Structure formats: structure tokens, C-alpha cells
PDB file of N, CA and C in Angstrom:
ATOM      1  N   MET A   1     -90.608   1.268  27.647  1.00  0.00           N
ATOM      2  CA  MET A   1     -90.793   1.460  26.224  1.00  0.00           C
ATOM      3  C   MET A   1     -89.491   1.202  25.476  1.00  0.00           C
ATOM      4  N   GLY A   2     -89.562   0.627  24.338  1.00  0.00           N
ATOM      5  CA  GLY A   2     -88.385   0.327  23.572  1.00  0.00           C
ATOM      6  C   GLY A   2     -87.875   1.471  22.729  1.00  0.00           C
ATOM      7  N   ASP A   3     -88.544   2.631  22.779  1.00  0.00           N
ATOM      8  CA  ASP A   3     -88.159   3.760  21.936  1.00  0.00           C
ATOM      9  C   ASP A   3     -87.266   4.773  22.626  1.00  0.00           C
ATOM     10  N   GLY A   4     -86.667   4.394  23.770  1.00  0.00           N
ATOM     11  CA  GLY A   4     -85.785   5.326  24.469  1.00  0.00           C
ATOM     12  C   GLY A   4     -86.516   6.209  25.451  1.00  0.00           C
ATOM     13  N   ARG A   5     -87.817   6.016  25.601  1.00  0.00           N
ATOM     14  CA  ARG A   5     -88.592   6.846  26.513  1.00  0.00           C
ATOM     15  C   ARG A   5     -88.908   6.069  27.786  1.00  0.00           C
ATOM     16  N   SER A   6     -89.044   6.780  28.859  1.00  0.00           N
ATOM     17  CA  SER A   6     -89.555   6.212  30.098  1.00  0.00           C
ATOM     18  C   SER A   6     -90.312   7.290  30.831  1.00  0.00           C
ATOM     19  N   SER A   7     -91.174   6.894  31.715  1.00  0.00           N
ATOM     20  CA  SER A   7     -91.972   7.873  32.437  1.00  0.00           C
ATOM     21  C   SER A   7     -91.910   7.573  33.937  1.00  0.00           C
ATOM     22  N   ALA A   8     -92.423   8.519  34.763  1.00  0.00           N
ATOM     23  CA  ALA A   8     -92.395   8.325  36.205  1.00  0.00           C
ATOM     24  C   ALA A   8     -93.159   7.081  36.614  1.00  0.00           C
ATOM     25  N   GLY A   9     -94.107   6.652  35.794  1.00  0.00           N
ATOM     26  CA  GLY A   9     -94.848   5.449  36.092  1.00  0.00           C
ATOM     27  C   GLY A   9     -93.927   4.230  36.131  1.00  0.00           C
ATOM     28  N   ASN A  10     -92.798   4.330  35.460  1.00  0.00           N
ATOM     29  CA  ASN A  10     -91.812   3.250  35.456  1.00  0.00           C
ATOM     30  C   ASN A  10     -90.831   3.404  36.615  1.00  0.00           C
ATOM     31  N   GLY A  11     -91.014   4.397  37.470  1.00  0.00           N
ATOM     32  CA  GLY A  11     -90.169   4.575  38.631  1.00  0.00           C
ATOM     33  C   GLY A  11     -88.809   5.165  38.351  1.00  0.00           C
ATOM     34  N   LYS A  12     -88.707   6.091  37.435  1.00  0.00           N
ATOM     35  CA  LYS A  12     -87.431   6.752  37.147  1.00  0.00           C
ATOM     36  C   LYS A  12     -87.208   7.917  38.124  1.00  0.00           C
ATOM     37  N   LYS A  13     -85.952   8.068  38.533  1.00  0.00           N
ATOM     38  CA  LYS A  13     -85.540   9.162  39.413  1.00  0.00           C
ATOM     39  C   LYS A  13     -84.372   9.896  38.791  1.00  0.00           C
ATOM     40  N   LEU A  14     -84.317  11.187  39.035  1.00  0.00           N
ATOM     41  CA  LEU A  14     -83.176  12.003  38.643  1.00  0.00           C
ATOM     42  C   LEU A  14     -82.431  12.363  39.911  1.00  0.00           C
ATOM     43  N   LEU A  15     -81.175  11.965  39.972  1.00  0.00           N
ATOM     44  CA  LEU A  15     -80.345  12.305  41.119  1.00  0.00           C
ATOM     45  C   LEU A  15     -79.486  13.505  40.753  1.00  0.00           C
ATOM     46  N   LEU A  16     -79.542  14.519  41.594  1.00  0.00           N
ATOM     47  CA  LEU A  16     -78.661  15.681  41.477  1.00  0.00           C
ATOM     48  C   LEU A  16     -77.701  15.572  42.641  1.00  0.00           C
ATOM     49  N   ILE A  17     -76.441  15.319  42.334  1.00  0.00           N
ATOM     50  CA  ILE A  17     -75.409  15.089  43.340  1.00  0.00           C
ATOM     51  C   ILE A  17     -74.442  16.257  43.300  1.00  0.00           C
ATOM     52  N   ILE A  18     -74.168  16.860  44.442  1.00  0.00           N
ATOM     53  CA  ILE A  18     -73.176  17.938  44.526  1.00  0.00           C
ATOM     54  C   ILE A  18     -72.066  17.395  45.402  1.00  0.00           C
ATOM     55  N   ALA A  19     -70.857  17.363  44.847  1.00  0.00           N
ATOM     56  CA  ALA A  19     -69.720  16.760  45.539  1.00  0.00           C
ATOM     57  C   ALA A  19     -68.464  17.593  45.346  1.00  0.00           C
ATOM     58  N   SER A  20     -67.464  17.310  46.181  1.00  0.00           N
ATOM     59  CA  SER A  20     -66.165  17.947  45.998  1.00  0.00           C
ATOM     60  C   SER A  20     -65.526  17.374  44.732  1.00  0.00           C
ATOM     61  N   HIS A  21     -64.563  18.102  44.184  1.00  0.00           N
ATOM     62  CA  HIS A  21     -63.856  17.586  43.005  1.00  0.00           C
ATOM     63  C   HIS A  21     -63.238  16.224  43.304  1.00  0.00           C
ATOM     64  N   GLU A  22     -62.648  16.097  44.462  1.00  0.00           N
ATOM     65  CA  GLU A  22     -61.981  14.872  44.875  1.00  0.00           C
ATOM     66  C   GLU A  22     -62.962  13.684  44.881  1.00  0.00           C
ATOM     67  N   ASP A  23     -64.112  13.860  45.490  1.00  0.00           N
ATOM     68  CA  ASP A  23     -65.085  12.790  45.571  1.00  0.00           C
ATOM     69  C   ASP A  23     -65.763  12.530  44.238  1.00  0.00           C
ATOM     70  N   ALA A  24     -65.984  13.562  43.454  1.00  0.00           N
ATOM     71  CA  ALA A  24     -66.721  13.412  42.190  1.00  0.00           C
ATOM     72  C   ALA A  24     -66.018  12.450  41.233  1.00  0.00           C
ATOM     73  N   SER A  25     -64.695  12.524  41.176  1.00  0.00           N
ATOM     74  CA  SER A  25     -63.972  11.621  40.289  1.00  0.00           C
ATOM     75  C   SER A  25     -64.189  10.160  40.655  1.00  0.00           C
ATOM     76  N   GLN A  26     -64.149   9.883  41.950  1.00  0.00           N
ATOM     77  CA  GLN A  26     -64.355   8.491  42.377  1.00  0.00           C
ATOM     78  C   GLN A  26     -65.807   8.068  42.188  1.00  0.00           C
ATOM     79  N   VAL A  27     -66.761   8.984  42.416  1.00  0.00           N
ATOM     80  CA  VAL A  27     -68.169   8.668  42.172  1.00  0.00           C
ATOM     81  C   VAL A  27     -68.378   8.280  40.710  1.00  0.00           C
ATOM     82  N   LEU A  28     -67.842   9.108  39.810  1.00  0.00           N
ATOM     83  CA  LEU A  28     -68.002   8.867  38.383  1.00  0.00           C
ATOM     84  C   LEU A  28     -67.332   7.562  37.945  1.00  0.00           C
ATOM     85  N   ASP A  29     -66.151   7.284  38.478  1.00  0.00           N
ATOM     86  CA  ASP A  29     -65.495   6.014  38.157  1.00  0.00           C
ATOM     87  C   ASP A  29     -66.330   4.838  38.619  1.00  0.00           C
ATOM     88  N   THR A  30     -66.830   4.914  39.837  1.00  0.00           N
ATOM     89  CA  THR A  30     -67.648   3.838  40.396  1.00  0.00           C
ATOM     90  C   THR A  30     -68.933   3.664  39.615  1.00  0.00           C
ATOM     91  N   PHE A  31     -69.575   4.787  39.258  1.00  0.00           N
ATOM     92  CA  PHE A  31     -70.798   4.719  38.461  1.00  0.00           C
ATOM     93  C   PHE A  31     -70.509   4.054  37.110  1.00  0.00           C
ATOM     94  N   ALA A  32     -69.407   4.411  36.478  1.00  0.00           N
ATOM     95  CA  ALA A  32     -69.079   3.843  35.162  1.00  0.00           C
ATOM     96  C   ALA A  32     -68.905   2.325  35.250  1.00  0.00           C
ATOM     97  N   HIS A  33     -68.246   1.861  36.306  1.00  0.00           N
ATOM     98  CA  HIS A  33     -68.042   0.402  36.465  1.00  0.00           C
ATOM     99  C   HIS A  33     -69.320  -0.319  36.858  1.00  0.00           C
ATOM    100  N   SER A  34     -70.327   0.441  37.323  1.00  0.00           N
ATOM    101  CA  SER A  34     -71.610  -0.168  37.755  1.00  0.00           C
ATOM    102  C   SER A  34     -72.716   0.092  36.730  1.00  0.00           C
ATOM    103  N   ASP A  35     -72.364   0.595  35.558  1.00  0.00           N
ATOM    104  CA  ASP A  35     -73.343   0.911  34.500  1.00  0.00           C
ATOM    105  C   ASP A  35     -74.436   1.868  34.985  1.00  0.00           C
ATOM    106  N   ILE A  36     -74.056   2.835  35.806  1.00  0.00           N
ATOM    107  CA  ILE A  36     -74.972   3.880  36.266  1.00  0.00           C
ATOM    108  C   ILE A  36     -74.681   5.112  35.423  1.00  0.00           C
ATOM    109  N   PRO A  37     -75.664   5.587  34.653  1.00  0.00           N
ATOM    110  CA  PRO A  37     -75.393   6.736  33.786  1.00  0.00           C
ATOM    111  C   PRO A  37     -75.192   8.002  34.623  1.00  0.00           C
ATOM    112  N   ALA A  38     -74.289   8.867  34.176  1.00  0.00           N
ATOM    113  CA  ALA A  38     -74.028  10.101  34.907  1.00  0.00           C
ATOM    114  C   ALA A  38     -73.435  11.142  33.984  1.00  0.00           C
ATOM    115  N   THR A  39     -73.752  12.388  34.281  1.00  0.00           N
ATOM    116  CA  THR A  39     -73.184  13.531  33.562  1.00  0.00           C
ATOM    117  C   THR A  39     -72.643  14.504  34.601  1.00  0.00           C
ATOM    118  N   ARG A  40     -71.414  14.932  34.405  1.00  0.00           N
ATOM    119  CA  ARG A  40     -70.712  15.820  35.372  1.00  0.00           C
ATOM    120  C   ARG A  40     -70.646  17.220  34.786  1.00  0.00           C
ATOM    121  N   PHE A  41     -70.867  18.233  35.648  1.00  0.00           N
ATOM    122  CA  PHE A  41     -70.612  19.605  35.255  1.00  0.00           C
ATOM    123  C   PHE A  41     -70.173  20.400  36.468  1.00  0.00           C
ATOM    124  N   GLY A  42     -69.328  21.408  36.247  1.00  0.00           N
ATOM    125  CA  GLY A  42     -68.753  22.228  37.318  1.00  0.00           C
ATOM    126  C   GLY A  42     -69.764  23.197  37.891  1.00  0.00           C
ATOM    127  N   SER A  43     -69.608  23.500  39.166  1.00  0.00           N
ATOM    128  CA  SER A  43     -70.482  24.485  39.803  1.00  0.00           C
ATOM    129  C   SER A  43     -69.718  25.170  40.924  1.00  0.00           C
ATOM    130  N   THR A  44     -70.164  26.349  41.313  1.00  0.00           N
ATOM    131  CA  THR A  44     -69.540  27.079  42.416  1.00  0.00           C
ATOM    132  C   THR A  44     -70.615  27.665  43.302  1.00  0.00           C
ATOM    133  N   GLY A  45     -70.203  28.054  44.523  1.00  0.00           N
ATOM    134  CA  GLY A  45     -71.108  28.709  45.445  1.00  0.00           C
ATOM    135  C   GLY A  45     -72.114  27.765  46.067  1.00  0.00           C
ATOM    136  N   GLY A  46     -73.136  28.342  46.637  1.00  0.00           N
ATOM    137  CA  GLY A  46     -74.211  27.543  47.204  1.00  0.00           C
ATOM    138  C   GLY A  46     -73.844  26.802  48.474  1.00  0.00           C
ATOM    139  N   ILE A  47     -73.824  25.511  48.393  1.00  0.00           N
ATOM    140  CA  ILE A  47     -73.724  24.669  49.572  1.00  0.00           C
ATOM    141  C   ILE A  47     -72.405  24.836  50.334  1.00  0.00           C
ATOM    142  N   TRP A  48     -71.262  24.796  49.617  1.00  0.00           N
ATOM    143  CA  TRP A  48     -69.985  24.903  50.315  1.00  0.00           C
ATOM    144  C   TRP A  48     -69.242  26.212  50.052  1.00  0.00           C
ATOM    145  N   GLN A  49     -69.757  27.055  49.183  1.00  0.00           N
ATOM    146  CA  GLN A  49     -69.114  28.302  48.844  1.00  0.00           C
ATOM    147  C   GLN A  49     -67.720  28.138  48.262  1.00  0.00           C
ATOM    148  N   VAL A  50     -67.464  26.977  47.677  1.00  0.00           N
ATOM    149  CA  VAL A  50     -66.195  26.709  46.987  1.00  0.00           C
ATOM    150  C   VAL A  50     -66.541  25.928  45.723  1.00  0.00           C
ATOM    151  N   GLY A  51     -65.545  25.742  44.891  1.00  0.00           N
ATOM    152  CA  GLY A  51     -65.774  24.982  43.684  1.00  0.00           C
ATOM    153  C   GLY A  51     -66.224  23.557  43.990  1.00  0.00           C
ATOM    154  N   SER A  52     -67.186  23.102  43.284  1.00  0.00           N
ATOM    155  CA  SER A  52     -67.671  21.758  43.468  1.00  0.00           C
ATOM    156  C   SER A  52     -68.109  21.199  42.118  1.00  0.00           C
ATOM    157  N   VAL A  53     -68.531  19.958  42.112  1.00  0.00           N
ATOM    158  CA  VAL A  53     -68.968  19.311  40.903  1.00  0.00           C
ATOM    159  C   VAL A  53     -70.395  18.865  41.100  1.00  0.00           C
ATOM    160  N   SER A  54     -71.220  19.084  40.087  1.00  0.00           N
ATOM    161  CA  SER A  54     -72.602  18.566  40.111  1.00  0.00           C
ATOM    162  C   SER A  54     -72.675  17.403  39.144  1.00  0.00           C
ATOM    163  N   ILE A  55     -73.400  16.389  39.557  1.00  0.00           N
ATOM    164  CA  ILE A  55     -73.548  15.177  38.757  1.00  0.00           C
ATOM    165  C   ILE A  55     -75.031  14.898  38.618  1.00  0.00           C
ATOM    166  N   LEU A  56     -75.491  14.689  37.384  1.00  0.00           N
ATOM    167  CA  LEU A  56     -76.854  14.262  37.147  1.00  0.00           C
ATOM    168  C   LEU A  56     -76.844  12.791  36.776  1.00  0.00           C
ATOM    169  N   SER A  57     -77.795  12.047  37.339  1.00  0.00           N
ATOM    170  CA  SER A  57     -77.894  10.627  37.035  1.00  0.00           C
ATOM    171  C   SER A  57     -79.347  10.216  37.011  1.00  0.00           C
ATOM    172  N   GLY A  58     -79.777   9.595  35.931  1.00  0.00           N
ATOM    173  CA  GLY A  58     -81.132   9.067  35.825  1.00  0.00           C
ATOM    174  C   GLY A  58     -81.113   7.567  36.100  1.00  0.00           C
ATOM    175  N   VAL A  59     -81.817   7.130  37.154  1.00  0.00           N
ATOM    176  CA  VAL A  59     -81.806   5.720  37.552  1.00  0.00           C
ATOM    177  C   VAL A  59     -83.234   5.254  37.839  1.00  0.00           C
ATOM    178  N   ASN A  60     -83.402   3.947  37.904  1.00  0.00           N
ATOM    179  CA  ASN A  60     -84.667   3.389  38.345  1.00  0.00           C
ATOM    180  C   ASN A  60     -84.830   3.641  39.846  1.00  0.00           C
ATOM    181  N   ALA A  61     -86.039   3.773  40.299  1.00  0.00           N
ATOM    182  CA  ALA A  61     -86.316   4.049  41.712  1.00  0.00           C
ATOM    183  C   ALA A  61     -85.678   3.005  42.625  1.00  0.00           C
ATOM    184  N   ASP A  62     -85.648   1.757  42.189  1.00  0.00           N
ATOM    185  CA  ASP A  62     -85.077   0.709  43.031  1.00  0.00           C
ATOM    186  C   ASP A  62     -83.551   0.728  43.099  1.00  0.00           C
ATOM    187  N   GLN A  63     -82.908   1.621  42.331  1.00  0.00           N
ATOM    188  CA  GLN A  63     -81.446   1.759  42.379  1.00  0.00           C
ATOM    189  C   GLN A  63     -81.002   2.898  43.306  1.00  0.00           C
ATOM    190  N   VAL A  64     -81.915   3.760  43.728  1.00  0.00           N
ATOM    191  CA  VAL A  64     -81.532   4.957  44.484  1.00  0.00           C
ATOM    192  C   VAL A  64     -80.776   4.616  45.762  1.00  0.00           C
ATOM    193  N   ASP A  65     -81.300   3.686  46.555  1.00  0.00           N
ATOM    194  CA  ASP A  65     -80.633   3.346  47.823  1.00  0.00           C
ATOM    195  C   ASP A  65     -79.236   2.795  47.583  1.00  0.00           C
ATOM    196  N   ARG A  66     -79.046   1.991  46.561  1.00  0.00           N
ATOM    197  CA  ARG A  66     -77.717   1.450  46.253  1.00  0.00           C
ATOM    198  C   ARG A  66     -76.748   2.550  45.829  1.00  0.00           C
ATOM    199  N   VAL A  67     -77.221   3.483  45.022  1.00  0.00           N
ATOM    200  CA  VAL A  67     -76.375   4.598  44.593  1.00  0.00           C
ATOM    201  C   VAL A  67     -75.945   5.420  45.817  1.00  0.00           C
ATOM    202  N   ILE A  68     -76.854   5.694  46.728  1.00  0.00           N
ATOM    203  CA  ILE A  68     -76.510   6.466  47.931  1.00  0.00           C
ATOM    204  C   ILE A  68     -75.545   5.672  48.813  1.00  0.00           C
ATOM    205  N   GLU A  69     -75.703   4.354  48.914  1.00  0.00           N
ATOM    206  CA  GLU A  69     -74.761   3.538  49.676  1.00  0.00           C
ATOM    207  C   GLU A  69     -73.354   3.639  49.104  1.00  0.00           C
ATOM    208  N   VAL A  70     -73.241   3.602  47.789  1.00  0.00           N
ATOM    209  CA  VAL A  70     -71.929   3.720  47.126  1.00  0.00           C
ATOM    210  C   VAL A  70     -71.293   5.062  47.485  1.00  0.00           C
ATOM    211  N   MET A  71     -72.084   6.121  47.446  1.00  0.00           N
ATOM    212  CA  MET A  71     -71.567   7.463  47.773  1.00  0.00           C
ATOM    213  C   MET A  71     -71.143   7.543  49.232  1.00  0.00           C
ATOM    214  N   GLN A  72     -71.894   6.905  50.145  1.00  0.00           N
ATOM    215  CA  GLN A  72     -71.531   6.899  51.545  1.00  0.00           C
ATOM    216  C   GLN A  72     -70.201   6.172  51.764  1.00  0.00           C
ATOM    217  N   GLN A  73     -69.994   5.074  51.034  1.00  0.00           N
ATOM    218  CA  GLN A  73     -68.736   4.333  51.153  1.00  0.00           C
ATOM    219  C   GLN A  73     -67.554   5.192  50.685  1.00  0.00           C
ATOM    220  N   ILE A  74     -67.737   5.945  49.629  1.00  0.00           N
ATOM    221  CA  ILE A  74     -66.676   6.832  49.143  1.00  0.00           C
ATOM    222  C   ILE A  74     -66.369   7.878  50.195  1.00  0.00           C
ATOM    223  N   CYS A  75     -67.384   8.469  50.796  1.00  0.00           N
ATOM    224  CA  CYS A  75     -67.164   9.496  51.823  1.00  0.00           C
ATOM    225  C   CYS A  75     -66.446   8.905  53.032  1.00  0.00           C
ATOM    226  N   GLU A  76     -66.847   7.725  53.463  1.00  0.00           N
ATOM    227  CA  GLU A  76     -66.206   7.084  54.618  1.00  0.00           C
ATOM    228  C   GLU A  76     -64.735   6.787  54.325  1.00  0.00           C
ATOM    229  N   ALA A  77     -64.443   6.336  53.127  1.00  0.00           N
ATOM    230  CA  ALA A  77     -63.053   6.045  52.762  1.00  0.00           C
ATOM    231  C   ALA A  77     -62.197   7.310  52.785  1.00  0.00           C
ATOM    232  N   HIS A  78     -62.732   8.409  52.319  1.00  0.00           N
ATOM    233  CA  HIS A  78     -62.002   9.685  52.316  1.00  0.00           C
ATOM    234  C   HIS A  78     -61.866  10.246  53.714  1.00  0.00           C
ATOM    235  N   GLN A  79     -62.866  10.031  54.550  1.00  0.00           N
ATOM    236  CA  GLN A  79     -62.844  10.578  55.904  1.00  0.00           C
ATOM    237  C   GLN A  79     -61.660  10.013  56.686  1.00  0.00           C
ATOM    238  N   GLY A  80     -61.299   8.763  56.443  1.00  0.00           N
ATOM    239  CA  GLY A  80     -60.184   8.145  57.143  1.00  0.00           C
ATOM    240  C   GLY A  80     -58.828   8.724  56.763  1.00  0.00           C
ATOM    241  N   ARG A  81     -58.755   9.433  55.634  1.00  0.00           N
ATOM    242  CA  ARG A  81     -57.477  10.004  55.165  1.00  0.00           C
ATOM    243  C   ARG A  81     -57.318  11.477  55.504  1.00  0.00           C
ATOM    244  N   ARG A  82     -58.326  12.070  56.149  1.00  0.00           N
ATOM    245  CA  ARG A  82     -58.247  13.501  56.451  1.00  0.00           C
ATOM    246  C   ARG A  82     -58.183  13.744  57.937  1.00  0.00           C
ATOM    247  N   ARG A  83     -57.781  14.957  58.267  1.00  0.00           N
ATOM    248  CA  ARG A  83     -57.813  15.359  59.673  1.00  0.00           C
ATOM    249  C   ARG A  83     -59.274  15.483  60.108  1.00  0.00           C
ATOM    250  N   ALA A  84     -59.504  15.757  61.348  1.00  0.00           N
ATOM    251  CA  ALA A  84     -60.881  15.862  61.856  1.00  0.00           C
ATOM    252  C   ALA A  84     -61.643  16.886  61.035  1.00  0.00           C
ATOM    253  N   PRO A  85     -62.870  16.554  60.603  1.00  0.00           N
ATOM    254  CA  PRO A  85     -63.615  17.467  59.744  1.00  0.00           C
ATOM    255  C   PRO A  85     -64.064  18.733  60.456  1.00  0.00           C
ATOM    256  N   THR A  86     -64.036  19.813  59.707  1.00  0.00           N
ATOM    257  CA  THR A  86     -64.640  21.058  60.219  1.00  0.00           C
ATOM    258  C   THR A  86     -66.113  21.009  59.871  1.00  0.00           C
ATOM    259  N   SER A  87     -66.875  21.971  60.339  1.00  0.00           N
ATOM    260  CA  SER A  87     -68.320  21.955  60.052  1.00  0.00           C
ATOM    261  C   SER A  87     -68.590  21.998  58.558  1.00  0.00           C
ATOM    262  N   ALA A  88     -67.748  22.677  57.794  1.00  0.00           N
ATOM    263  CA  ALA A  88     -67.952  22.755  56.337  1.00  0.00           C
ATOM    264  C   ALA A  88     -67.642  21.410  55.666  1.00  0.00           C
ATOM    265  N   GLN A  89     -66.843  20.556  56.311  1.00  0.00           N
ATOM    266  CA  GLN A  89     -66.472  19.288  55.683  1.00  0.00           C
ATOM    267  C   GLN A  89     -67.289  18.110  56.222  1.00  0.00           C
ATOM    268  N   GLU A  90     -68.145  18.312  57.191  1.00  0.00           N
ATOM    269  CA  GLU A  90     -68.893  17.204  57.777  1.00  0.00           C
ATOM    270  C   GLU A  90     -69.711  16.453  56.731  1.00  0.00           C
ATOM    271  N   HIS A  91     -70.241  17.157  55.779  1.00  0.00           N
ATOM    272  CA  HIS A  91     -71.016  16.518  54.734  1.00  0.00           C
ATOM    273  C   HIS A  91     -70.239  16.694  53.421  1.00  0.00           C
ATOM    274  N   ARG A  92     -69.831  15.588  52.859  1.00  0.00           N
ATOM    275  CA  ARG A  92     -68.979  15.644  51.679  1.00  0.00           C
ATOM    276  C   ARG A  92     -69.771  15.676  50.379  1.00  0.00           C
ATOM    277  N   MET A  93     -71.033  15.221  50.409  1.00  0.00           N
ATOM    278  CA  MET A  93     -71.876  15.221  49.224  1.00  0.00           C
ATOM    279  C   MET A  93     -73.291  15.527  49.635  1.00  0.00           C
ATOM    280  N   VAL A  94     -74.029  16.079  48.688  1.00  0.00           N
ATOM    281  CA  VAL A  94     -75.463  16.323  48.865  1.00  0.00           C
ATOM    282  C   VAL A  94     -76.158  15.667  47.691  1.00  0.00           C
ATOM    283  N   VAL A  95     -77.249  14.942  47.974  1.00  0.00           N
ATOM    284  CA  VAL A  95     -77.976  14.253  46.916  1.00  0.00           C
ATOM    285  C   VAL A  95     -79.436  14.684  46.962  1.00  0.00           C
ATOM    286  N   PHE A  96     -79.956  15.151  45.847  1.00  0.00           N
ATOM    287  CA  PHE A  96     -81.358  15.476  45.696  1.00  0.00           C
ATOM    288  C   PHE A  96     -81.968  14.373  44.840  1.00  0.00           C
ATOM    289  N   VAL A  97     -83.027  13.742  45.284  1.00  0.00           N
ATOM    290  CA  VAL A  97     -83.689  12.692  44.532  1.00  0.00           C
ATOM    291  C   VAL A  97     -85.018  13.256  44.024  1.00  0.00           C
ATOM    292  N   LEU A  98     -85.119  13.360  42.713  1.00  0.00           N
ATOM    293  CA  LEU A  98     -86.286  13.981  42.087  1.00  0.00           C
ATOM    294  C   LEU A  98     -87.018  12.980  41.232  1.00  0.00           C
ATOM    295  N   ASP A  99     -88.333  13.091  41.177  1.00  0.00           N
ATOM    296  CA  ASP A  99     -89.108  12.274  40.261  1.00  0.00           C
ATOM    297  C   ASP A  99     -88.831  12.725  38.832  1.00  0.00           C
ATOM    298  N   ALA A 100     -88.582  11.788  37.954  1.00  0.00           N
ATOM    299  CA  ALA A 100     -88.380  12.099  36.532  1.00  0.00           C
ATOM    300  C   ALA A 100     -89.699  11.786  35.834  1.00  0.00           C
ATOM    301  N   THR A 101     -90.450  12.814  35.490  1.00  0.00           N
ATOM    302  CA  THR A 101     -91.739  12.590  34.873  1.00  0.00           C
ATOM    303  C   THR A 101     -91.591  12.038  33.448  1.00  0.00           C
ATOM    304  N   ARG A 102     -90.456  12.317  32.854  1.00  0.00           N
ATOM    305  CA  ARG A 102     -90.205  11.797  31.507  1.00  0.00           C
ATOM    306  C   ARG A 102     -88.706  11.859  31.227  1.00  0.00           C
ATOM    307  N   MET A 103     -88.205  10.827  30.604  1.00  0.00           N
ATOM    308  CA  MET A 103     -86.817  10.791  30.226  1.00  0.00           C
ATOM    309  C   MET A 103     -86.729  10.199  28.829  1.00  0.00           C
ATOM    310  N   GLU A 104     -85.992  10.858  27.942  1.00  0.00           N
ATOM    311  CA  GLU A 104     -85.831  10.373  26.575  1.00  0.00           C
ATOM    312  C   GLU A 104     -84.377  10.374  26.198  1.00  0.00           C
ATOM    313  N   ARG A 105     -83.950   9.351  25.488  1.00  0.00           N
ATOM    314  CA  ARG A 105     -82.627   9.314  24.890  1.00  0.00           C
ATOM    315  C   ARG A 105     -82.820   9.527  23.407  1.00  0.00           C
ATOM    316  N   VAL A 106     -82.178  10.536  22.890  1.00  0.00           N
ATOM    317  CA  VAL A 106     -82.380  10.893  21.489  1.00  0.00           C
ATOM    318  C   VAL A 106     -81.133  10.600  20.687  1.00  0.00           C
TER     319      VAL A 106
END
């Protein structure tokens, strides 16, 4: 639709990404250069019990795999610069892929 609206029928997905502060900055920079919309907000507790960043991103369904590939590349690059990961560090990001039943830009 040309009015800023889209629906799940158009294959929109909402990505909820939880990442470390270190990774989140690079994710957001990469998203910005790839024209992937994203909103960052701080969060604590839950998955890692430490400060983390949550990122919301609304994308087309056919972009989800590419977005996750980008995030995997960021994690792999960081893994090479750190000592052996502990169990808490084995997973650097968590991504929830949700159906967006409706999205509007106002």
C-alpha cells in the first residue's frame, strides 16, 4: 500500500534482537548501511542477566535470512577477538522473528 501501511499478507516480520552493547553498535551500523530499519532501546536481566540492548526491526519476510546472516558474521568477527567463550558468552545475540500483522508509518 502506498499509504505507509502493510499487513502480514505482504510478508512483514518484526525482529526482536537482544544483543550485547558491543555487538548492538555494529549491528545498527550495518543495518543503517543496508537500509534496514531499526530502533534500539536498553534492557537488563532476562537472557544474560547483564545490561544488553534490544533492537526492533520491521523487514520483509524475504529479508529475514539475510539479516540473521549479517548478525552471525558480526558474532564470528567478535569471537576471534575474545578468549574462549564461557557458557554465558556462547550465544552473543538472540533473535525472535514475529509475524507483523500490521505495520504503519505515521
